[in-house]
């Protein structure tokens, strides 16, 4: 286990108190804590499930949070160096819910986790999902790929020579790209050190190229995943940091036009990582959304 004792004690504790289960030859890490209905939290690229550590503090009084690291990310292994499709990550979530004997969840996704949640919702629409989705909340991500603007480095990592890009790129180059997609308050050098270690995880920098395949996957299946949201009957919301150059205010505009059934909240001055940049605000609006759901059900 790789720890972060001199960088971030909360992330260190997240990994020390977590759990593992075996899936597809990989050892999948997940954190589970709290009481109440299950909230299944699906992280994005390039980081890991520990992204949720600050939001978890405000959610565990209301929900049982289950936050896995997808295969090849964070402390979830990938011994066969496999490049996973997003549908396979959705398979993992089904296996994890079966492992935990969970029959219904509230979904929460960020970045590529949004697309994985879309695959889960599509399965529910089709009647093939092994558990029930009660609601789905999204943070910044390309739920509409027509409004998604990936950074150049991620496109390079997703390309034919992505493995070489991952091998030769410097920490400074990669992390300057990450810093650029934050909002008004940029991460400190210490936070950048943490994000770099979390992004590499136990599988090393080569995993960044394999995981960047998600960009190709999302482009190839963009229409199908958008269609899943148009057909969904579950309550949905998007909490979006509008300073995000990847999927910020321009993405909000597209969502309002094409997916008006999604309750949309725009966070001023926040970038691509609202769960890290503004966790208290995210928790506030998420709890407000769930209160609206409860009120509607009681009528």
C-alpha atoms as a PDB file:
ATOM      1  CA  UNK A   1       0.000   0.000   0.000  1.00  0.00           C
ATOM      2  CA  UNK A   2       1.238   3.451  -0.855  1.00  0.00           C
ATOM      3  CA  UNK A   3       0.500   6.009   1.814  1.00  0.00           C
ATOM      4  CA  UNK A   4       0.521   9.799   1.915  1.00  0.00           C
ATOM      5  CA  UNK A   5       1.530  10.457   5.553  1.00  0.00           C
ATOM      6  CA  UNK A   6       3.298  13.734   4.909  1.00  0.00           C
ATOM      7  CA  UNK A   7       0.935  14.986   2.225  1.00  0.00           C
ATOM      8  CA  UNK A   8      -2.675  14.381   3.194  1.00  0.00           C
ATOM      9  CA  UNK A   9      -3.673  12.589   6.381  1.00  0.00           C
ATOM     10  CA  UNK A  10      -7.321  12.304   5.303  1.00  0.00           C
ATOM     11  CA  UNK A  11      -6.412  10.443   2.106  1.00  0.00           C
ATOM     12  CA  UNK A  12      -4.009   8.246   4.043  1.00  0.00           C
ATOM     13  CA  UNK A  13      -6.807   7.337   6.454  1.00  0.00           C
ATOM     14  CA  UNK A  14      -9.170   6.750   3.510  1.00  0.00           C
ATOM     15  CA  UNK A  15      -6.932   3.973   2.213  1.00  0.00           C
ATOM     16  CA  UNK A  16      -6.019   2.556   5.604  1.00  0.00           C
ATOM     17  CA  UNK A  17      -9.671   2.063   6.600  1.00  0.00           C
ATOM     18  CA  UNK A  18     -11.001   0.852   3.244  1.00  0.00           C
ATOM     19  CA  UNK A  19     -11.879  -2.554   1.851  1.00  0.00           C
ATOM     20  CA  UNK A  20     -11.126  -4.741  -1.179  1.00  0.00           C
ATOM     21  CA  UNK A  21     -12.949  -7.254  -3.306  1.00  0.00           C
ATOM     22  CA  UNK A  22     -11.800  -9.343  -6.256  1.00  0.00           C
ATOM     23  CA  UNK A  23     -13.170  -8.717  -9.736  1.00  0.00           C
ATOM     24  CA  UNK A  24     -11.896  -9.699 -13.198  1.00  0.00           C
ATOM     25  CA  UNK A  25      -8.480 -10.631 -11.824  1.00  0.00           C
ATOM     26  CA  UNK A  26      -8.133  -7.217 -10.185  1.00  0.00           C
ATOM     27  CA  UNK A  27      -8.250  -6.247  -6.531  1.00  0.00           C
ATOM     28  CA  UNK A  28     -10.735  -3.386  -6.289  1.00  0.00           C
ATOM     29  CA  UNK A  29     -10.448  -0.914  -3.441  1.00  0.00           C
ATOM     30  CA  UNK A  30     -13.570   0.712  -2.038  1.00  0.00           C
ATOM     31  CA  UNK A  31     -14.486   2.853   0.930  1.00  0.00           C
ATOM     32  CA  UNK A  32     -17.761   2.245   2.751  1.00  0.00           C
ATOM     33  CA  UNK A  33     -18.956   4.308   5.689  1.00  0.00           C
ATOM     34  CA  UNK A  34     -21.977   6.117   7.078  1.00  0.00           C
ATOM     35  CA  UNK A  35     -25.622   5.211   7.651  1.00  0.00           C
ATOM     36  CA  UNK A  36     -28.772   5.428   5.581  1.00  0.00           C
ATOM     37  CA  UNK A  37     -29.498   4.843   1.878  1.00  0.00           C
ATOM     38  CA  UNK A  38     -26.510   3.865  -0.251  1.00  0.00           C
ATOM     39  CA  UNK A  39     -24.833   6.539  -2.321  1.00  0.00           C
ATOM     40  CA  UNK A  40     -22.583   4.938  -4.938  1.00  0.00           C
ATOM     41  CA  UNK A  41     -19.852   7.422  -5.861  1.00  0.00           C
ATOM     42  CA  UNK A  42     -17.916   7.010  -9.126  1.00  0.00           C
ATOM     43  CA  UNK A  43     -14.753   9.085  -9.541  1.00  0.00           C
ATOM     44  CA  UNK A  44     -13.181  10.558 -12.651  1.00  0.00           C
ATOM     45  CA  UNK A  45      -9.880  10.852 -14.502  1.00  0.00           C
ATOM     46  CA  UNK A  46      -7.003  11.090 -13.694  1.00  0.00           C
ATOM     47  CA  UNK A  47      -7.499  10.578  -9.980  1.00  0.00           C
ATOM     48  CA  UNK A  48      -9.250   8.012  -7.764  1.00  0.00           C
ATOM     49  CA  UNK A  49     -12.047   7.360  -5.314  1.00  0.00           C
ATOM     50  CA  UNK A  50     -10.272   9.274  -2.562  1.00  0.00           C
ATOM     51  CA  UNK A  51     -11.393  12.429  -4.423  1.00  0.00           C
ATOM     52  CA  UNK A  52     -14.598  12.039  -2.418  1.00  0.00           C
ATOM     53  CA  UNK A  53     -12.908  12.246   1.008  1.00  0.00           C
ATOM     54  CA  UNK A  54     -13.987  15.824   1.761  1.00  0.00           C
ATOM     55  CA  UNK A  55     -17.546  15.413   0.500  1.00  0.00           C
ATOM     56  CA  UNK A  56     -17.856  12.176   2.455  1.00  0.00           C
ATOM     57  CA  UNK A  57     -17.524  14.129   5.718  1.00  0.00           C
ATOM     58  CA  UNK A  58     -20.819  15.887   5.028  1.00  0.00           C
ATOM     59  CA  UNK A  59     -22.664  12.930   3.549  1.00  0.00           C
ATOM     60  CA  UNK A  60     -22.109  10.059   5.986  1.00  0.00           C
ATOM     61  CA  UNK A  61     -24.764  11.362   8.419  1.00  0.00           C
ATOM     62  CA  UNK A  62     -27.337  10.989   5.650  1.00  0.00           C
ATOM     63  CA  UNK A  63     -26.056   8.160   3.445  1.00  0.00           C
ATOM     64  CA  UNK A  64     -23.988   5.024   3.446  1.00  0.00           C
ATOM     65  CA  UNK A  65     -21.340   6.044   0.970  1.00  0.00           C
ATOM     66  CA  UNK A  66     -19.710   3.414  -1.221  1.00  0.00           C
ATOM     67  CA  UNK A  67     -16.797   4.838  -3.191  1.00  0.00           C
ATOM     68  CA  UNK A  68     -14.732   2.385  -5.248  1.00  0.00           C
ATOM     69  CA  UNK A  69     -11.640   3.056  -7.262  1.00  0.00           C
ATOM     70  CA  UNK A  70     -12.253   1.755 -10.783  1.00  0.00           C
ATOM     71  CA  UNK A  71      -9.809  -0.896 -11.995  1.00  0.00           C
ATOM     72  CA  UNK A  72      -6.338   0.534 -12.744  1.00  0.00           C
ATOM     73  CA  UNK A  73      -6.999   3.699 -10.686  1.00  0.00           C
ATOM     74  CA  UNK A  74      -5.811   4.615  -7.209  1.00  0.00           C
ATOM     75  CA  UNK A  75      -5.346   1.485  -5.092  1.00  0.00           C
ATOM     76  CA  UNK A  76      -7.400  -0.749  -7.399  1.00  0.00           C
ATOM     77  CA  UNK A  77      -5.026  -3.058  -9.209  1.00  0.00           C
ATOM     78  CA  UNK A  78      -4.748  -4.087 -12.843  1.00  0.00           C
ATOM     79  CA  UNK A  79      -2.224  -6.948 -12.886  1.00  0.00           C
ATOM     80  CA  UNK A  80      -2.956  -7.828 -16.520  1.00  0.00           C
ATOM     81  CA  UNK A  81      -2.434  -4.209 -17.720  1.00  0.00           C
ATOM     82  CA  UNK A  82      -5.845  -4.327 -19.325  1.00  0.00           C
ATOM     83  CA  UNK A  83      -7.479  -1.338 -21.012  1.00  0.00           C
ATOM     84  CA  UNK A  84     -11.014  -1.318 -19.668  1.00  0.00           C
ATOM     85  CA  UNK A  85     -14.116  -0.167 -21.483  1.00  0.00           C
ATOM     86  CA  UNK A  86     -16.497   1.984 -19.482  1.00  0.00           C
ATOM     87  CA  UNK A  87     -19.148  -0.712 -19.740  1.00  0.00           C
ATOM     88  CA  UNK A  88     -16.737  -3.014 -17.913  1.00  0.00           C
ATOM     89  CA  UNK A  89     -16.422  -0.510 -15.092  1.00  0.00           C
ATOM     90  CA  UNK A  90     -20.238  -0.589 -14.925  1.00  0.00           C
ATOM     91  CA  UNK A  91     -19.940  -4.387 -14.679  1.00  0.00           C
ATOM     92  CA  UNK A  92     -17.612  -3.871 -11.713  1.00  0.00           C
ATOM     93  CA  UNK A  93     -20.177  -1.656  -9.987  1.00  0.00           C
ATOM     94  CA  UNK A  94     -22.808  -4.356 -10.413  1.00  0.00           C
ATOM     95  CA  UNK A  95     -20.405  -6.920  -8.961  1.00  0.00           C
ATOM     96  CA  UNK A  96     -19.608  -4.641  -6.027  1.00  0.00           C
ATOM     97  CA  UNK A  97     -23.279  -4.073  -5.234  1.00  0.00           C
ATOM     98  CA  UNK A  98     -23.833  -7.834  -5.324  1.00  0.00           C
ATOM     99  CA  UNK A  99     -20.787  -8.319  -3.077  1.00  0.00           C
ATOM    100  CA  UNK A 100     -22.271  -5.845  -0.561  1.00  0.00           C
ATOM    101  CA  UNK A 101     -25.840  -7.165  -0.955  1.00  0.00           C
ATOM    102  CA  UNK A 102     -27.092  -3.716  -2.001  1.00  0.00           C
ATOM    103  CA  UNK A 103     -30.402  -3.578  -3.848  1.00  0.00           C
ATOM    104  CA  UNK A 104     -30.810   0.170  -4.495  1.00  0.00           C
ATOM    105  CA  UNK A 105     -28.512   3.192  -4.743  1.00  0.00           C
ATOM    106  CA  UNK A 106     -28.312   6.896  -5.382  1.00  0.00           C
ATOM    107  CA  UNK A 107     -25.617   7.467  -8.005  1.00  0.00           C
ATOM    108  CA  UNK A 108     -23.054  10.263  -7.848  1.00  0.00           C
ATOM    109  CA  UNK A 109     -20.460  10.645 -10.608  1.00  0.00           C
ATOM    110  CA  UNK A 110     -17.671  12.985 -11.619  1.00  0.00           C
ATOM    111  CA  UNK A 111     -15.907  13.334 -14.982  1.00  0.00           C
ATOM    112  CA  UNK A 112     -15.600   9.875 -16.603  1.00  0.00           C
ATOM    113  CA  UNK A 113     -17.608   8.580 -13.647  1.00  0.00           C
ATOM    114  CA  UNK A 114     -20.547  10.442 -15.180  1.00  0.00           C
ATOM    115  CA  UNK A 115     -20.297   8.295 -18.308  1.00  0.00           C
ATOM    116  CA  UNK A 116     -20.107   5.119 -16.223  1.00  0.00           C
ATOM    117  CA  UNK A 117     -23.256   6.261 -14.409  1.00  0.00           C
ATOM    118  CA  UNK A 118     -24.898   6.808 -17.791  1.00  0.00           C
ATOM    119  CA  UNK A 119     -24.165   3.183 -18.689  1.00  0.00           C
ATOM    120  CA  UNK A 120     -25.739   2.100 -15.401  1.00  0.00           C
ATOM    121  CA  UNK A 121     -28.838   4.213 -16.088  1.00  0.00           C
ATOM    122  CA  UNK A 122     -29.095   2.748 -19.585  1.00  0.00           C
ATOM    123  CA  UNK A 123     -29.162  -0.740 -18.083  1.00  0.00           C
ATOM    124  CA  UNK A 124     -31.946   0.313 -15.755  1.00  0.00           C
ATOM    125  CA  UNK A 125     -33.871   1.754 -18.698  1.00  0.00           C
ATOM    126  CA  UNK A 126     -33.518  -1.608 -20.421  1.00  0.00           C
ATOM    127  CA  UNK A 127     -34.508  -3.601 -17.332  1.00  0.00           C
ATOM    128  CA  UNK A 128     -31.179  -5.445 -17.126  1.00  0.00           C
ATOM    129  CA  UNK A 129     -29.599  -3.757 -14.104  1.00  0.00           C
ATOM    130  CA  UNK A 130     -29.132  -5.986 -11.051  1.00  0.00           C
ATOM    131  CA  UNK A 131     -29.905  -3.186  -8.575  1.00  0.00           C
ATOM    132  CA  UNK A 132     -32.178  -0.138  -8.628  1.00  0.00           C
ATOM    133  CA  UNK A 133     -31.062   3.440  -9.231  1.00  0.00           C
ATOM    134  CA  UNK A 134     -33.156   5.854  -7.160  1.00  0.00           C
ATOM    135  CA  UNK A 135     -31.496   9.047  -8.426  1.00  0.00           C
ATOM    136  CA  UNK A 136     -28.373  10.223 -10.215  1.00  0.00           C
ATOM    137  CA  UNK A 137     -26.246  13.302  -9.549  1.00  0.00           C
ATOM    138  CA  UNK A 138     -23.414  14.467 -11.764  1.00  0.00           C
ATOM    139  CA  UNK A 139     -20.431  16.723 -11.204  1.00  0.00           C
ATOM    140  CA  UNK A 140     -18.435  18.225 -14.095  1.00  0.00           C
ATOM    141  CA  UNK A 141     -18.204  15.723 -16.916  1.00  0.00           C
ATOM    142  CA  UNK A 142     -19.025  15.115 -20.560  1.00  0.00           C
ATOM    143  CA  UNK A 143     -22.554  13.775 -20.307  1.00  0.00           C
ATOM    144  CA  UNK A 144     -22.997  15.556 -23.642  1.00  0.00           C
ATOM    145  CA  UNK A 145     -19.788  14.988 -25.579  1.00  0.00           C
ATOM    146  CA  UNK A 146     -20.742  17.663 -28.098  1.00  0.00           C
ATOM    147  CA  UNK A 147     -19.969  20.147 -25.308  1.00  0.00           C
ATOM    148  CA  UNK A 148     -16.863  18.387 -24.017  1.00  0.00           C
ATOM    149  CA  UNK A 149     -13.464  20.024 -24.594  1.00  0.00           C
ATOM    150  CA  UNK A 150     -10.667  17.711 -23.423  1.00  0.00           C
ATOM    151  CA  UNK A 151      -7.218  19.108 -22.775  1.00  0.00           C
ATOM    152  CA  UNK A 152      -4.515  18.378 -25.343  1.00  0.00           C
ATOM    153  CA  UNK A 153      -2.509  16.097 -23.055  1.00  0.00           C
ATOM    154  CA  UNK A 154      -5.424  13.771 -22.400  1.00  0.00           C
ATOM    155  CA  UNK A 155      -6.050  13.478 -26.138  1.00  0.00           C
ATOM    156  CA  UNK A 156      -2.385  12.599 -26.587  1.00  0.00           C
ATOM    157  CA  UNK A 157      -2.568   9.984 -23.829  1.00  0.00           C
ATOM    158  CA  UNK A 158      -5.622   8.490 -25.512  1.00  0.00           C
ATOM    159  CA  UNK A 159      -3.861   8.295 -28.885  1.00  0.00           C
ATOM    160  CA  UNK A 160      -1.884   5.560 -30.596  1.00  0.00           C
ATOM    161  CA  UNK A 161       1.320   6.533 -28.815  1.00  0.00           C
ATOM    162  CA  UNK A 162      -0.266   7.288 -25.482  1.00  0.00           C
ATOM    163  CA  UNK A 163       1.934   4.702 -23.773  1.00  0.00           C
ATOM    164  CA  UNK A 164       4.994   6.645 -24.908  1.00  0.00           C
ATOM    165  CA  UNK A 165       3.512   9.984 -23.862  1.00  0.00           C
ATOM    166  CA  UNK A 166       2.889   8.546 -20.386  1.00  0.00           C
ATOM    167  CA  UNK A 167       6.430   7.240 -20.190  1.00  0.00           C
ATOM    168  CA  UNK A 168       8.220  10.438 -21.147  1.00  0.00           C
ATOM    169  CA  UNK A 169       5.947  13.139 -19.724  1.00  0.00           C
ATOM    170  CA  UNK A 170       7.154  14.983 -16.674  1.00  0.00           C
ATOM    171  CA  UNK A 171       5.202  15.489 -13.499  1.00  0.00           C
ATOM    172  CA  UNK A 172       5.383  19.246 -14.053  1.00  0.00           C
ATOM    173  CA  UNK A 173       3.770  18.985 -17.501  1.00  0.00           C
ATOM    174  CA  UNK A 174       0.970  16.716 -16.359  1.00  0.00           C
ATOM    175  CA  UNK A 175       0.174  18.633 -13.218  1.00  0.00           C
ATOM    176  CA  UNK A 176       0.273  22.027 -14.921  1.00  0.00           C
ATOM    177  CA  UNK A 177      -2.561  20.682 -17.081  1.00  0.00           C
ATOM    178  CA  UNK A 178      -4.482  19.619 -13.978  1.00  0.00           C
ATOM    179  CA  UNK A 179      -3.893  22.994 -12.305  1.00  0.00           C
ATOM    180  CA  UNK A 180      -5.162  24.815 -15.406  1.00  0.00           C
ATOM    181  CA  UNK A 181      -8.647  23.271 -15.164  1.00  0.00           C
ATOM    182  CA  UNK A 182      -9.224  24.451 -11.594  1.00  0.00           C
ATOM    183  CA  UNK A 183     -11.223  27.569 -10.897  1.00  0.00           C
ATOM    184  CA  UNK A 184     -10.252  30.803  -9.196  1.00  0.00           C
ATOM    185  CA  UNK A 185      -8.405  29.152  -6.297  1.00  0.00           C
ATOM    186  CA  UNK A 186      -5.574  27.024  -7.676  1.00  0.00           C
ATOM    187  CA  UNK A 187      -4.144  24.009  -5.817  1.00  0.00           C
ATOM    188  CA  UNK A 188      -1.050  24.573  -3.728  1.00  0.00           C
ATOM    189  CA  UNK A 189       2.235  22.831  -4.484  1.00  0.00           C
ATOM    190  CA  UNK A 190       1.481  20.412  -1.637  1.00  0.00           C
ATOM    191  CA  UNK A 191      -1.928  19.603  -3.113  1.00  0.00           C
ATOM    192  CA  UNK A 192      -0.336  19.091  -6.516  1.00  0.00           C
ATOM    193  CA  UNK A 193       2.041  16.554  -4.962  1.00  0.00           C
ATOM    194  CA  UNK A 194      -0.939  14.657  -3.552  1.00  0.00           C
ATOM    195  CA  UNK A 195      -2.844  14.764  -6.839  1.00  0.00           C
ATOM    196  CA  UNK A 196       0.181  13.453  -8.722  1.00  0.00           C
ATOM    197  CA  UNK A 197       0.594  10.497  -6.373  1.00  0.00           C
ATOM    198  CA  UNK A 198      -3.134   9.768  -6.449  1.00  0.00           C
ATOM    199  CA  UNK A 199      -3.183   9.994 -10.258  1.00  0.00           C
ATOM    200  CA  UNK A 200      -0.332   7.496 -10.606  1.00  0.00           C
ATOM    201  CA  UNK A 201      -1.786   5.218  -7.925  1.00  0.00           C
ATOM    202  CA  UNK A 202      -0.354   1.768  -7.388  1.00  0.00           C
ATOM    203  CA  UNK A 203      -0.271   1.045 -11.139  1.00  0.00           C
ATOM    204  CA  UNK A 204       2.103   3.843 -12.093  1.00  0.00           C
ATOM    205  CA  UNK A 205       2.051   6.460 -14.817  1.00  0.00           C
ATOM    206  CA  UNK A 206       1.439   3.875 -17.559  1.00  0.00           C
ATOM    207  CA  UNK A 207      -2.095   3.523 -16.203  1.00  0.00           C
ATOM    208  CA  UNK A 208      -2.788   7.127 -17.251  1.00  0.00           C
ATOM    209  CA  UNK A 209      -2.556   6.102 -20.905  1.00  0.00           C
ATOM    210  CA  UNK A 210      -4.747   3.028 -20.451  1.00  0.00           C
ATOM    211  CA  UNK A 211      -7.364   4.994 -18.533  1.00  0.00           C
ATOM    212  CA  UNK A 212      -7.345   7.763 -21.135  1.00  0.00           C
ATOM    213  CA  UNK A 213      -9.042   5.288 -23.473  1.00  0.00           C
ATOM    214  CA  UNK A 214     -12.209   6.513 -21.753  1.00  0.00           C
ATOM    215  CA  UNK A 215     -12.058   9.538 -24.060  1.00  0.00           C
ATOM    216  CA  UNK A 216     -12.341   7.357 -27.165  1.00  0.00           C
ATOM    217  CA  UNK A 217     -15.040   5.251 -25.538  1.00  0.00           C
ATOM    218  CA  UNK A 218     -17.083   8.322 -24.641  1.00  0.00           C
ATOM    219  CA  UNK A 219     -16.845   9.707 -28.170  1.00  0.00           C
ATOM    220  CA  UNK A 220     -17.843   6.414 -29.769  1.00  0.00           C
ATOM    221  CA  UNK A 221     -20.900   5.966 -27.559  1.00  0.00           C
ATOM    222  CA  UNK A 222     -21.858   9.600 -26.985  1.00  0.00           C
ATOM    223  CA  UNK A 223     -25.265   9.384 -28.649  1.00  0.00           C
ATOM    224  CA  UNK A 224     -26.214   6.203 -26.805  1.00  0.00           C
ATOM    225  CA  UNK A 225     -25.277   7.623 -23.408  1.00  0.00           C
ATOM    226  CA  UNK A 226     -27.046  10.932 -24.034  1.00  0.00           C
ATOM    227  CA  UNK A 227     -30.085   8.959 -25.121  1.00  0.00           C
ATOM    228  CA  UNK A 228     -30.035   7.026 -21.860  1.00  0.00           C
ATOM    229  CA  UNK A 229     -30.459  10.278 -19.942  1.00  0.00           C
ATOM    230  CA  UNK A 230     -33.260  11.449 -22.212  1.00  0.00           C
ATOM    231  CA  UNK A 231     -35.129   8.206 -21.548  1.00  0.00           C
ATOM    232  CA  UNK A 232     -34.376   8.050 -17.801  1.00  0.00           C
ATOM    233  CA  UNK A 233     -37.229   8.386 -15.334  1.00  0.00           C
ATOM    234  CA  UNK A 234     -35.106   8.845 -12.194  1.00  0.00           C
ATOM    235  CA  UNK A 235     -34.490  12.315 -10.686  1.00  0.00           C
ATOM    236  CA  UNK A 236     -31.185  13.772 -11.918  1.00  0.00           C
ATOM    237  CA  UNK A 237     -29.077  16.805 -11.120  1.00  0.00           C
ATOM    238  CA  UNK A 238     -25.810  18.358 -12.251  1.00  0.00           C
ATOM    239  CA  UNK A 239     -23.621  20.441  -9.903  1.00  0.00           C
ATOM    240  CA  UNK A 240     -21.133  22.178 -12.161  1.00  0.00           C
ATOM    241  CA  UNK A 241     -18.047  24.317 -11.619  1.00  0.00           C
ATOM    242  CA  UNK A 242     -18.500  26.813 -14.446  1.00  0.00           C
ATOM    243  CA  UNK A 243     -14.836  27.916 -14.641  1.00  0.00           C
ATOM    244  CA  UNK A 244     -13.943  24.470 -15.985  1.00  0.00           C
ATOM    245  CA  UNK A 245     -12.557  24.760 -19.558  1.00  0.00           C
ATOM    246  CA  UNK A 246     -13.386  21.099 -20.201  1.00  0.00           C
ATOM    247  CA  UNK A 247     -17.034  20.903 -19.178  1.00  0.00           C
ATOM    248  CA  UNK A 248     -17.905  24.192 -17.493  1.00  0.00           C
ATOM    249  CA  UNK A 249     -20.455  26.879 -18.302  1.00  0.00           C
ATOM    250  CA  UNK A 250     -20.637  25.952 -21.982  1.00  0.00           C
ATOM    251  CA  UNK A 251     -21.611  22.411 -20.935  1.00  0.00           C
ATOM    252  CA  UNK A 252     -24.284  23.810 -18.604  1.00  0.00           C
ATOM    253  CA  UNK A 253     -25.785  25.723 -21.518  1.00  0.00           C
ATOM    254  CA  UNK A 254     -25.908  22.558 -23.609  1.00  0.00           C
ATOM    255  CA  UNK A 255     -27.479  20.559 -20.769  1.00  0.00           C
ATOM    256  CA  UNK A 256     -30.173  23.201 -20.238  1.00  0.00           C
ATOM    257  CA  UNK A 257     -31.017  23.043 -23.935  1.00  0.00           C
ATOM    258  CA  UNK A 258     -30.894  19.272 -24.483  1.00  0.00           C
ATOM    259  CA  UNK A 259     -31.584  17.757 -21.058  1.00  0.00           C
ATOM    260  CA  UNK A 260     -33.945  20.168 -19.288  1.00  0.00           C
ATOM    261  CA  UNK A 261     -35.110  17.425 -16.908  1.00  0.00           C
ATOM    262  CA  UNK A 262     -31.724  17.643 -15.119  1.00  0.00           C
ATOM    263  CA  UNK A 263     -31.719  20.049 -12.167  1.00  0.00           C
ATOM    264  CA  UNK A 264     -28.702  22.256 -12.812  1.00  0.00           C
ATOM    265  CA  UNK A 265     -26.605  24.195 -10.292  1.00  0.00           C
ATOM    266  CA  UNK A 266     -23.761  26.451 -11.444  1.00  0.00           C
ATOM    267  CA  UNK A 267     -20.906  26.994  -8.992  1.00  0.00           C
ATOM    268  CA  UNK A 268     -19.239  30.367  -9.481  1.00  0.00           C
ATOM    269  CA  UNK A 269     -15.432  30.470  -9.493  1.00  0.00           C
ATOM    270  CA  UNK A 270     -15.137  26.661  -9.365  1.00  0.00           C
ATOM    271  CA  UNK A 271     -13.407  24.532 -11.987  1.00  0.00           C
ATOM    272  CA  UNK A 272     -13.321  20.903 -13.069  1.00  0.00           C
ATOM    273  CA  UNK A 273     -12.947  19.385  -9.592  1.00  0.00           C
ATOM    274  CA  UNK A 274     -15.850  20.782  -7.515  1.00  0.00           C
ATOM    275  CA  UNK A 275     -15.675  17.770  -5.179  1.00  0.00           C
ATOM    276  CA  UNK A 276     -12.165  18.934  -4.179  1.00  0.00           C
ATOM    277  CA  UNK A 277     -12.409  22.680  -4.808  1.00  0.00           C
ATOM    278  CA  UNK A 278     -15.806  23.267  -3.171  1.00  0.00           C
ATOM    279  CA  UNK A 279     -16.875  20.126  -1.282  1.00  0.00           C
ATOM    280  CA  UNK A 280     -19.094  21.966   1.202  1.00  0.00           C
ATOM    281  CA  UNK A 281     -21.048  23.634  -1.597  1.00  0.00           C
ATOM    282  CA  UNK A 282     -21.415  20.321  -3.407  1.00  0.00           C
ATOM    283  CA  UNK A 283     -22.753  18.655  -0.267  1.00  0.00           C
ATOM    284  CA  UNK A 284     -25.157  21.542   0.355  1.00  0.00           C
ATOM    285  CA  UNK A 285     -26.689  21.388  -3.122  1.00  0.00           C
ATOM    286  CA  UNK A 286     -26.677  17.593  -3.191  1.00  0.00           C
ATOM    287  CA  UNK A 287     -28.574  17.384   0.104  1.00  0.00           C
ATOM    288  CA  UNK A 288     -30.972  20.051  -1.154  1.00  0.00           C
ATOM    289  CA  UNK A 289     -31.630  17.941  -4.268  1.00  0.00           C
ATOM    290  CA  UNK A 290     -32.290  14.842  -2.167  1.00  0.00           C
ATOM    291  CA  UNK A 291     -34.624  16.785   0.098  1.00  0.00           C
ATOM    292  CA  UNK A 292     -36.591  17.786  -2.999  1.00  0.00           C
ATOM    293  CA  UNK A 293     -36.777  14.129  -3.995  1.00  0.00           C
ATOM    294  CA  UNK A 294     -38.105  13.145  -0.566  1.00  0.00           C
ATOM    295  CA  UNK A 295     -40.645  15.966  -0.570  1.00  0.00           C
ATOM    296  CA  UNK A 296     -41.912  14.949  -4.019  1.00  0.00           C
ATOM    297  CA  UNK A 297     -42.292  11.298  -2.937  1.00  0.00           C
ATOM    298  CA  UNK A 298     -44.286  12.316   0.140  1.00  0.00           C
ATOM    299  CA  UNK A 299     -46.850  14.262  -1.887  1.00  0.00           C
END
